[in-house]
């Protein structure tokens, strides 16, 4: 059993022991069973393996809530089986205890939180890492992992303040399984005709001085809501190093393979957002500044430096600014959400993997409720203006009862006219899906 799984189980046992102290108090149990199946969709512009299974996930999620006076506790875990990768997974989504008074509160344990007011786009939302381990994870509406942290909160009539200390680093979950359809997009099987092997991905040392820190200050006024953010921690995606491998038994000077290893780097973020309600409309804005953030150097540049110097820097530091403006319109039984987002990196990008200084795009989400809100029809679209690639997600969801719902739809990735682009590179994963959920 892996070390982190042992720690999770020990933590869970300790939690449920503490939870027994809430006996004869307010304790509730809820959960859901969900299954989702999807096959590759036909593509009109090239040959495709239409009908190949991309999704085959079945999961059970259980949740326990407990309350005692000003104290509360929550435990939520999920057991899932991925039929595509033939893997059984257990995750402890949240596991915390909390005390809240009229002015201050303290929460300790594994918890989730979301920063910012953007819809599906991360600008200031950096505190929880992303789950990119599977196709179902990246297409999920909640693709964030929990963090093991301490949150100290203060609240008043018109303000709240949340301070986070995250002593244990949680990286993004990567699709490194050999059977994962996403692995080739993260780690190619070949580089310059050389086979690729995965070496070590070095995590930060677990020590009290290596923690992460976050601060959120929010104000709520009659004309607008505004929040300020600060974060200092680790990028949850590792920067990659590419090293030529030689056959030591023959002393040959011709490389036989390339080994990919990784390392995480520190970064800081300062951000703000605001929301202004105007009748049935809400205007939103959000921005984040990342001083001297580490950016991945290009693969060819790293391989060349390793070959000549024996060692290469995997990153270059640059200032980065991200921003978003959005509009929500909520007439009767309709929801319209439109957003424009952009990101700029200052300085020379010649040696970097990133090719464009300024990247930008837009999203549009339209949904309507029908049949006394039992049927919902929605369409989400995202376009990247740099390469004109896009992602489209139509869906139809029907609630058979308060406990049972079914839905169908598609995840469609469209490449740009001259190059695939950020979203178009997943064109072979365009999928038609069917989902069913039972809640209790």
Protein backbone atom coordinates (compact mmCIF):
# COMPACT_ATOMS: atom_id res chain seq x y z
CA UNK A 1 0.00 0.00 0.00
CA UNK A 2 1.31 3.42 -0.90
CA UNK A 3 2.49 5.67 1.92
CA UNK A 4 -0.03 8.43 1.19
CA UNK A 5 -2.89 5.90 1.22
CA UNK A 6 -1.76 4.70 4.65
CA UNK A 7 -1.75 8.29 5.92
CA UNK A 8 -5.24 8.83 4.49
CA UNK A 9 -6.65 5.73 6.19
CA UNK A 10 -5.03 6.59 9.55
CA UNK A 11 -6.42 10.13 9.30
CA UNK A 12 -9.88 8.78 8.47
CA UNK A 13 -9.83 6.39 11.44
CA UNK A 14 -8.81 9.22 13.78
CA UNK A 15 -11.58 11.38 12.33
CA UNK A 16 -14.31 8.82 12.81
CA UNK A 17 -13.10 8.23 16.37
CA UNK A 18 -13.54 11.95 17.01
CA UNK A 19 -16.88 11.83 15.21
CA UNK A 20 -18.14 9.29 17.73
CA UNK A 21 -18.08 12.13 20.28
CA UNK A 22 -21.01 13.61 18.38
CA UNK A 23 -23.13 10.54 19.22
CA UNK A 24 -26.78 11.30 20.00
CA UNK A 25 -26.37 14.69 18.34
CA UNK A 26 -27.26 15.88 14.81
CA UNK A 27 -25.63 13.44 12.42
CA UNK A 28 -26.77 12.91 8.84
CA UNK A 29 -25.61 10.64 6.05
CA UNK A 30 -26.07 11.32 2.34
CA UNK A 31 -24.48 10.34 -0.92
CA UNK A 32 -24.88 9.41 -4.54
CA UNK A 33 -24.21 6.67 -7.03
CA UNK A 34 -23.24 7.87 -10.49
CA UNK A 35 -22.31 6.16 -13.72
CA UNK A 36 -21.15 7.76 -16.96
CA UNK A 37 -20.42 6.11 -20.31
CA UNK A 38 -19.03 7.79 -23.40
CA UNK A 39 -17.77 6.85 -26.86
CA UNK A 40 -15.66 8.73 -29.36
CA UNK A 41 -17.85 10.81 -31.65
CA UNK A 42 -17.57 10.81 -35.46
CA UNK A 43 -15.59 13.75 -36.84
CA UNK A 44 -16.48 15.12 -40.28
CA UNK A 45 -13.05 16.51 -41.12
CA UNK A 46 -10.86 13.39 -40.80
CA UNK A 47 -10.83 9.67 -40.08
CA UNK A 48 -11.67 8.75 -36.51
CA UNK A 49 -12.11 5.74 -34.29
CA UNK A 50 -15.77 6.54 -33.64
CA UNK A 51 -17.30 4.18 -31.12
CA UNK A 52 -14.11 3.73 -29.06
CA UNK A 53 -14.91 3.96 -25.35
CA UNK A 54 -13.49 7.13 -23.77
CA UNK A 55 -15.60 7.11 -20.59
CA UNK A 56 -16.67 4.21 -18.39
CA UNK A 57 -16.85 5.50 -14.82
CA UNK A 58 -19.01 4.29 -11.95
CA UNK A 59 -18.67 5.87 -8.51
CA UNK A 60 -20.18 5.83 -5.05
CA UNK A 61 -19.85 8.93 -2.85
CA UNK A 62 -20.78 8.97 0.82
CA UNK A 63 -21.00 12.05 3.03
CA UNK A 64 -21.39 12.36 6.81
CA UNK A 65 -22.32 15.69 8.44
CA UNK A 66 -22.28 16.15 12.21
CA UNK A 67 -23.23 19.14 14.37
CA UNK A 68 -22.81 19.89 18.07
CA UNK A 69 -23.43 23.43 19.26
CA UNK A 70 -21.05 25.75 17.40
CA UNK A 71 -18.98 22.80 16.18
CA UNK A 72 -19.38 20.67 13.07
CA UNK A 73 -17.57 17.96 11.17
CA UNK A 74 -17.73 16.55 7.68
CA UNK A 75 -16.40 13.42 6.01
CA UNK A 76 -16.83 12.69 2.30
CA UNK A 77 -15.23 9.87 0.34
CA UNK A 78 -15.59 8.35 -3.11
CA UNK A 79 -14.96 4.86 -4.43
CA UNK A 80 -14.86 4.71 -8.23
CA UNK A 81 -14.11 2.21 -10.96
CA UNK A 82 -12.77 3.34 -14.34
CA UNK A 83 -13.58 0.65 -16.90
CA UNK A 84 -11.37 2.33 -19.53
CA UNK A 85 -8.17 2.10 -17.47
CA UNK A 86 -9.51 -0.86 -15.44
CA UNK A 87 -8.58 0.84 -12.17
CA UNK A 88 -10.32 1.00 -8.79
CA UNK A 89 -9.76 4.27 -6.92
CA UNK A 90 -10.56 5.62 -3.46
CA UNK A 91 -10.39 9.30 -2.63
CA UNK A 92 -11.11 11.16 0.60
CA UNK A 93 -12.67 14.32 -0.80
CA UNK A 94 -13.12 16.18 2.48
CA UNK A 95 -12.40 15.41 6.13
CA UNK A 96 -12.53 18.32 8.57
CA UNK A 97 -13.71 19.62 11.93
CA UNK A 98 -14.92 23.17 12.39
CA UNK A 99 -15.77 25.65 15.14
CA UNK A 100 -17.72 28.84 14.32
CA UNK A 101 -18.74 31.69 16.60
CA UNK A 102 -20.46 34.97 15.75
CA UNK A 103 -17.12 36.61 14.88
CA UNK A 104 -14.51 33.96 14.20
CA UNK A 105 -14.16 30.35 13.08
CA UNK A 106 -11.53 27.64 12.73
CA UNK A 107 -11.54 24.68 10.32
CA UNK A 108 -8.85 21.99 10.36
CA UNK A 109 -8.47 19.07 7.97
CA UNK A 110 -8.94 18.17 4.32
CA UNK A 111 -11.19 20.75 2.71
CA UNK A 112 -12.17 22.31 -0.59
CA UNK A 113 -12.56 25.98 -1.39
CA UNK A 114 -12.95 28.05 -4.53
CA UNK A 115 -11.62 31.54 -5.15
CA UNK A 116 -12.82 34.06 -7.68
CA UNK A 117 -16.03 34.70 -9.58
CA UNK A 118 -15.10 33.20 -12.96
CA UNK A 119 -17.17 30.39 -14.47
CA UNK A 120 -14.92 27.47 -15.46
CA UNK A 121 -11.79 29.63 -15.91
CA UNK A 122 -9.06 29.83 -13.26
CA UNK A 123 -7.81 33.37 -12.67
CA UNK A 124 -7.37 33.70 -8.89
CA UNK A 125 -8.58 30.14 -8.18
CA UNK A 126 -5.16 28.68 -7.39
CA UNK A 127 -5.55 27.41 -3.84
CA UNK A 128 -6.85 23.91 -4.72
CA UNK A 129 -4.95 21.80 -7.29
CA UNK A 130 -6.58 20.41 -10.42
CA UNK A 131 -7.55 16.81 -11.06
CA UNK A 132 -6.39 15.91 -14.59
CA UNK A 133 -5.96 12.19 -13.93
CA UNK A 134 -8.74 11.09 -16.28
CA UNK A 135 -11.02 12.34 -19.02
CA UNK A 136 -14.01 12.28 -16.67
CA UNK A 137 -12.04 14.44 -14.21
CA UNK A 138 -11.12 17.19 -16.67
CA UNK A 139 -14.69 17.36 -18.02
CA UNK A 140 -16.23 17.38 -14.55
CA UNK A 141 -17.80 20.56 -13.19
CA UNK A 142 -15.77 20.09 -9.98
CA UNK A 143 -12.27 19.13 -11.12
CA UNK A 144 -10.46 20.43 -8.04
CA UNK A 145 -8.78 18.38 -5.31
CA UNK A 146 -9.01 19.10 -1.60
CA UNK A 147 -6.13 20.56 0.43
CA UNK A 148 -4.95 19.57 3.93
CA UNK A 149 -5.05 22.92 5.67
CA UNK A 150 -5.97 25.12 8.61
CA UNK A 151 -8.44 27.94 7.88
CA UNK A 152 -8.93 30.80 10.34
CA UNK A 153 -11.94 33.01 9.54
CA UNK A 154 -13.28 36.32 10.80
CA UNK A 155 -16.63 37.80 9.82
CA UNK A 156 -18.63 40.97 10.33
CA UNK A 157 -21.75 42.53 8.88
CA UNK A 158 -20.03 43.61 5.67
CA UNK A 159 -16.75 41.71 5.55
CA UNK A 160 -15.14 38.29 5.86
CA UNK A 161 -11.48 37.32 6.13
CA UNK A 162 -10.07 33.82 5.57
CA UNK A 163 -6.44 32.93 6.26
CA UNK A 164 -5.07 29.53 5.13
CA UNK A 165 -2.03 27.58 6.21
CA UNK A 166 -1.40 24.51 4.03
CA UNK A 167 1.46 22.52 5.62
CA UNK A 168 1.23 19.54 3.23
CA UNK A 169 1.63 20.13 -0.50
CA UNK A 170 -0.97 18.48 -2.76
CA UNK A 171 0.05 18.42 -6.45
CA UNK A 172 -2.29 18.18 -9.41
CA UNK A 173 -3.27 14.62 -10.25
CA UNK A 174 -1.71 13.71 -13.62
CA UNK A 175 -2.86 11.08 -16.16
CA UNK A 176 0.24 8.86 -16.02
CA UNK A 177 -1.56 5.49 -16.22
CA UNK A 178 -0.48 3.52 -19.29
CA UNK A 179 -4.15 2.92 -20.23
CA UNK A 180 -5.24 6.53 -19.82
CA UNK A 181 -6.28 8.18 -23.12
CA UNK A 182 -4.84 11.45 -21.76
CA UNK A 183 -1.30 10.24 -21.09
CA UNK A 184 0.00 10.92 -24.62
CA UNK A 185 -1.01 14.58 -24.25
CA UNK A 186 1.16 14.93 -21.12
CA UNK A 187 4.02 12.50 -21.77
CA UNK A 188 4.65 11.54 -25.43
CA UNK A 189 5.65 7.95 -26.15
CA UNK A 190 8.48 9.19 -28.39
CA UNK A 191 10.56 12.36 -28.70
CA UNK A 192 12.69 12.80 -31.84
CA UNK A 193 12.27 9.04 -32.55
CA UNK A 194 13.65 8.15 -29.08
CA UNK A 195 11.44 6.17 -26.66
CA UNK A 196 10.47 8.05 -23.53
CA UNK A 197 10.60 6.85 -19.92
CA UNK A 198 9.27 8.65 -16.84
CA UNK A 199 11.76 9.30 -14.08
CA UNK A 200 11.14 10.87 -10.69
CA UNK A 201 8.87 13.84 -10.08
CA UNK A 202 10.42 15.57 -7.09
CA UNK A 203 7.96 16.98 -4.57
CA UNK A 204 8.87 19.77 -2.13
CA UNK A 205 10.31 18.57 1.15
CA UNK A 206 7.62 18.10 3.78
CA UNK A 207 8.68 20.64 6.38
CA UNK A 208 7.06 23.44 8.33
CA UNK A 209 8.93 26.11 6.32
CA UNK A 210 7.77 24.59 3.02
CA UNK A 211 4.06 25.21 3.52
CA UNK A 212 1.66 27.30 1.46
CA UNK A 213 -0.22 30.39 2.62
CA UNK A 214 -3.40 32.07 1.41
CA UNK A 215 -5.45 35.12 2.38
CA UNK A 216 -8.88 36.19 1.15
CA UNK A 217 -10.56 39.48 2.20
CA UNK A 218 -14.15 40.09 1.08
CA UNK A 219 -16.50 43.05 1.40
CA UNK A 220 -20.25 43.02 0.72
CA UNK A 221 -21.87 46.36 -0.07
CA UNK A 222 -25.16 47.52 -1.56
CA UNK A 223 -23.58 48.41 -4.90
CA UNK A 224 -21.03 45.59 -5.27
CA UNK A 225 -19.19 42.65 -3.75
CA UNK A 226 -15.39 42.76 -3.84
CA UNK A 227 -12.62 40.37 -2.77
CA UNK A 228 -8.83 40.60 -2.48
CA UNK A 229 -6.54 37.54 -2.64
CA UNK A 230 -2.97 36.69 -1.81
CA UNK A 231 -1.26 33.32 -2.17
CA UNK A 232 2.28 32.00 -1.77
CA UNK A 233 2.85 28.34 -2.51
CA UNK A 234 3.81 25.75 -5.10
CA UNK A 235 2.68 25.42 -8.70
CA UNK A 236 0.67 22.20 -8.78
CA UNK A 237 2.00 21.20 -12.25
CA UNK A 238 5.68 20.12 -12.33
CA UNK A 239 8.20 21.63 -14.72
CA UNK A 240 9.72 18.91 -16.88
CA UNK A 241 13.36 18.03 -17.54
CA UNK A 242 14.45 15.96 -20.57
CA UNK A 243 17.66 13.94 -20.26
CA UNK A 244 19.33 11.83 -22.95
CA UNK A 245 19.94 8.22 -21.88
CA UNK A 246 22.93 6.23 -23.17
CA UNK A 247 23.61 2.50 -23.15
CA UNK A 248 26.26 2.14 -20.43
CA UNK A 249 27.03 -1.45 -21.40
CA UNK A 250 28.35 -0.47 -24.85
CA UNK A 251 29.80 2.96 -23.94
CA UNK A 252 28.07 4.29 -27.03
CA UNK A 253 27.92 8.05 -27.62
CA UNK A 254 24.58 7.69 -29.39
CA UNK A 255 21.58 8.16 -27.07
CA UNK A 256 19.05 5.35 -26.88
CA UNK A 257 16.17 7.05 -25.02
CA UNK A 258 14.97 10.19 -23.27
CA UNK A 259 14.03 10.29 -19.59
CA UNK A 260 11.50 12.83 -18.37
CA UNK A 261 11.63 13.98 -14.76
CA UNK A 262 9.89 16.84 -12.98
CA UNK A 263 10.13 19.37 -10.19
CA UNK A 264 7.69 21.85 -8.62
CA UNK A 265 8.46 25.56 -8.26
CA UNK A 266 7.33 28.31 -5.91
CA UNK A 267 5.05 31.14 -7.05
CA UNK A 268 3.10 34.06 -5.62
CA UNK A 269 -0.24 35.52 -6.67
CA UNK A 270 -2.04 38.78 -5.87
CA UNK A 271 -5.59 39.13 -7.15
CA UNK A 272 -8.98 40.82 -6.88
CA UNK A 273 -12.52 40.37 -8.12
CA UNK A 274 -15.77 42.33 -8.08
CA UNK A 275 -19.43 41.66 -8.86
CA UNK A 276 -22.02 44.37 -9.52
CA UNK A 277 -25.71 43.34 -9.60
CA UNK A 278 -27.97 45.37 -11.89
CA UNK A 279 -31.56 44.10 -11.88
CA UNK A 280 -31.47 40.67 -13.59
CA UNK A 281 -27.85 41.20 -14.65
CA UNK A 282 -24.56 40.74 -12.81
CA UNK A 283 -21.31 42.26 -14.08
CA UNK A 284 -18.14 40.46 -12.96
CA UNK A 285 -14.44 41.26 -13.19
CA UNK A 286 -11.38 39.40 -11.93
CA UNK A 287 -7.61 39.83 -12.24
CA UNK A 288 -4.45 38.19 -10.90
CA UNK A 289 -0.77 39.16 -11.02
CA UNK A 290 1.99 36.54 -10.72
CA UNK A 291 5.41 38.15 -10.09
CA UNK A 292 8.38 36.24 -11.52
CA UNK A 293 6.50 32.99 -12.09
CA UNK A 294 8.43 30.00 -13.44
CA UNK A 295 7.59 29.07 -17.05
CA UNK A 296 8.56 25.82 -18.76
CA UNK A 297 11.48 26.05 -21.17
CA UNK A 298 11.05 24.37 -24.55
CA UNK A 299 11.86 20.68 -24.87
CA UNK A 300 14.44 21.20 -27.61
CA UNK A 301 16.18 23.89 -25.56
CA UNK A 302 16.43 21.65 -22.49
CA UNK A 303 17.68 18.61 -24.45
CA UNK A 304 20.35 20.74 -26.13
CA UNK A 305 21.56 22.26 -22.84
CA UNK A 306 21.66 18.84 -21.17
CA UNK A 307 23.68 17.43 -24.06
CA UNK A 308 26.21 20.29 -24.09
CA UNK A 309 26.41 21.36 -20.44
CA UNK A 310 25.27 18.17 -18.70
CA UNK A 311 22.62 20.15 -16.84
CA UNK A 312 19.82 22.50 -17.87
CA UNK A 313 17.51 24.99 -16.25
CA UNK A 314 13.95 23.83 -16.86
CA UNK A 315 12.31 27.21 -16.42
CA UNK A 316 12.62 30.95 -16.90
CA UNK A 317 10.94 33.47 -14.61
CA UNK A 318 8.55 36.03 -16.06
CA UNK A 319 5.81 38.34 -14.76
CA UNK A 320 2.29 37.22 -15.68
CA UNK A 321 -1.09 38.98 -15.63
CA UNK A 322 -4.45 37.21 -16.05
CA UNK A 323 -7.86 38.91 -16.22
CA UNK A 324 -11.52 38.24 -16.98
CA UNK A 325 -14.73 40.21 -17.44
CA UNK A 326 -18.13 38.51 -17.42
CA UNK A 327 -21.84 39.13 -17.68
CA UNK A 328 -24.64 37.03 -16.15
CA UNK A 329 -28.23 37.56 -17.27
CA UNK A 330 -30.92 35.63 -15.40
CA UNK A 331 -34.40 36.15 -16.88
CA UNK A 332 -37.18 33.75 -15.94
CA UNK A 333 -36.08 30.10 -16.41
CA UNK A 334 -33.10 31.21 -18.53
CA UNK A 335 -29.44 31.66 -17.66
CA UNK A 336 -26.97 33.47 -19.93
CA UNK A 337 -23.30 33.76 -18.99
CA UNK A 338 -20.67 35.35 -21.24
CA UNK A 339 -16.98 35.88 -20.38
CA UNK A 340 -13.85 37.26 -21.99
CA UNK A 341 -10.52 36.17 -20.50
CA UNK A 342 -6.90 36.96 -21.29
CA UNK A 343 -3.40 36.22 -20.10
CA UNK A 344 -0.15 38.08 -20.82
CA UNK A 345 3.44 37.13 -20.04
CA UNK A 346 5.96 39.97 -20.01
CA UNK A 347 9.43 39.59 -21.50
CA UNK A 348 11.14 37.45 -24.11
CA UNK A 349 9.58 34.02 -24.78
CA UNK A 350 12.24 32.76 -27.21
CA UNK A 351 13.44 29.86 -25.03
CA UNK A 352 10.05 28.99 -23.56
CA UNK A 353 7.51 26.32 -24.43
CA UNK A 354 4.87 29.05 -24.53
CA UNK A 355 4.86 30.74 -27.93
CA UNK A 356 2.48 33.68 -27.54
CA UNK A 357 2.85 36.64 -25.21
CA UNK A 358 -0.89 37.39 -25.21
CA UNK A 359 -3.50 34.65 -25.15
CA UNK A 360 -7.24 35.28 -24.96
CA UNK A 361 -10.62 33.68 -25.46
CA UNK A 362 -14.31 33.77 -24.58
CA UNK A 363 -17.00 31.53 -23.13
CA UNK A 364 -20.78 31.45 -23.54
CA UNK A 365 -23.15 29.39 -21.44
CA UNK A 366 -26.89 29.27 -22.16
CA UNK A 367 -29.37 27.10 -20.25
CA UNK A 368 -33.16 26.88 -19.86
CA UNK A 369 -35.34 25.02 -17.39
CA UNK A 370 -38.53 23.35 -18.62
CA UNK A 371 -41.36 21.16 -17.30
CA UNK A 372 -41.45 22.69 -13.82
CA UNK A 373 -37.62 22.68 -13.66
CA UNK A 374 -37.36 18.91 -14.16
CA UNK A 375 -35.76 19.30 -17.61
CA UNK A 376 -32.72 21.46 -18.30
CA UNK A 377 -31.23 22.10 -21.73
CA UNK A 378 -27.84 23.82 -21.87
CA UNK A 379 -25.06 24.73 -24.25
CA UNK A 380 -21.56 25.75 -23.18
CA UNK A 381 -18.95 26.97 -25.64
CA UNK A 382 -15.34 28.15 -25.29
CA UNK A 383 -13.22 29.58 -28.08
CA UNK A 384 -9.49 30.33 -28.04
CA UNK A 385 -8.95 33.43 -30.19
CA UNK A 386 -5.24 32.74 -30.78
CA UNK A 387 -5.73 29.54 -32.79
CA UNK A 388 -9.55 29.66 -33.18
CA UNK A 389 -9.87 26.23 -31.60
CA UNK A 390 -12.86 25.58 -29.35
CA UNK A 391 -14.63 23.34 -26.88
CA UNK A 392 -18.42 22.80 -27.07
CA UNK A 393 -20.57 21.00 -24.49
CA UNK A 394 -24.30 20.56 -25.25
CA UNK A 395 -26.32 18.66 -22.65
CA UNK A 396 -29.85 17.67 -21.66
CA UNK A 397 -30.67 16.66 -18.08
CA UNK A 398 -33.96 15.26 -16.77
CA UNK A 399 -34.91 14.68 -13.13
CA UNK A 400 -37.10 11.59 -12.95
CA UNK A 401 -37.56 12.20 -9.22
CA UNK A 402 -35.86 14.08 -6.41
CA UNK A 403 -33.35 11.22 -6.19
CA UNK A 404 -32.88 10.03 -9.79
CA UNK A 405 -31.66 12.04 -12.78
CA UNK A 406 -30.37 11.13 -16.24
CA UNK A 407 -28.50 13.26 -18.74
CA UNK A 408 -26.90 13.03 -22.13
CA UNK A 409 -24.66 15.29 -24.14
CA UNK A 410 -21.31 15.62 -25.82
CA UNK A 411 -17.81 16.96 -25.27
CA UNK A 412 -16.67 18.34 -28.63
CA UNK A 413 -13.11 19.58 -29.26
CA UNK A 414 -12.64 21.51 -32.50
CA UNK A 415 -9.12 22.29 -33.83
CA UNK A 416 -8.23 25.63 -35.34
CA UNK A 417 -7.92 26.15 -39.10
CA UNK A 418 -4.09 26.23 -39.13
CA UNK A 419 -3.14 24.40 -35.91
CA UNK A 420 -4.90 22.31 -33.28
CA UNK A 421 -4.49 24.76 -30.41
CA UNK A 422 -4.94 24.28 -26.66
CA UNK A 423 -8.38 22.65 -26.91
CA UNK A 424 -8.26 21.32 -30.45
CA UNK A 425 -5.39 18.95 -29.60
CA UNK A 426 -8.00 16.78 -27.85
CA UNK A 427 -10.01 16.37 -31.07
CA UNK A 428 -9.70 12.56 -30.99
CA UNK A 429 -11.40 12.60 -27.56
CA UNK A 430 -14.63 14.25 -28.73
CA UNK A 431 -17.26 12.16 -26.96
CA UNK A 432 -20.98 11.45 -26.81
CA UNK A 433 -21.98 10.45 -23.28
CA UNK A 434 -24.85 9.16 -21.16
CA UNK A 435 -24.97 9.73 -17.38
CA UNK A 436 -27.27 8.55 -14.60
CA UNK A 437 -27.26 9.57 -10.92
CA UNK A 438 -29.06 8.35 -7.82
CA UNK A 439 -28.90 10.59 -4.74
CA UNK A 440 -29.93 9.75 -1.21
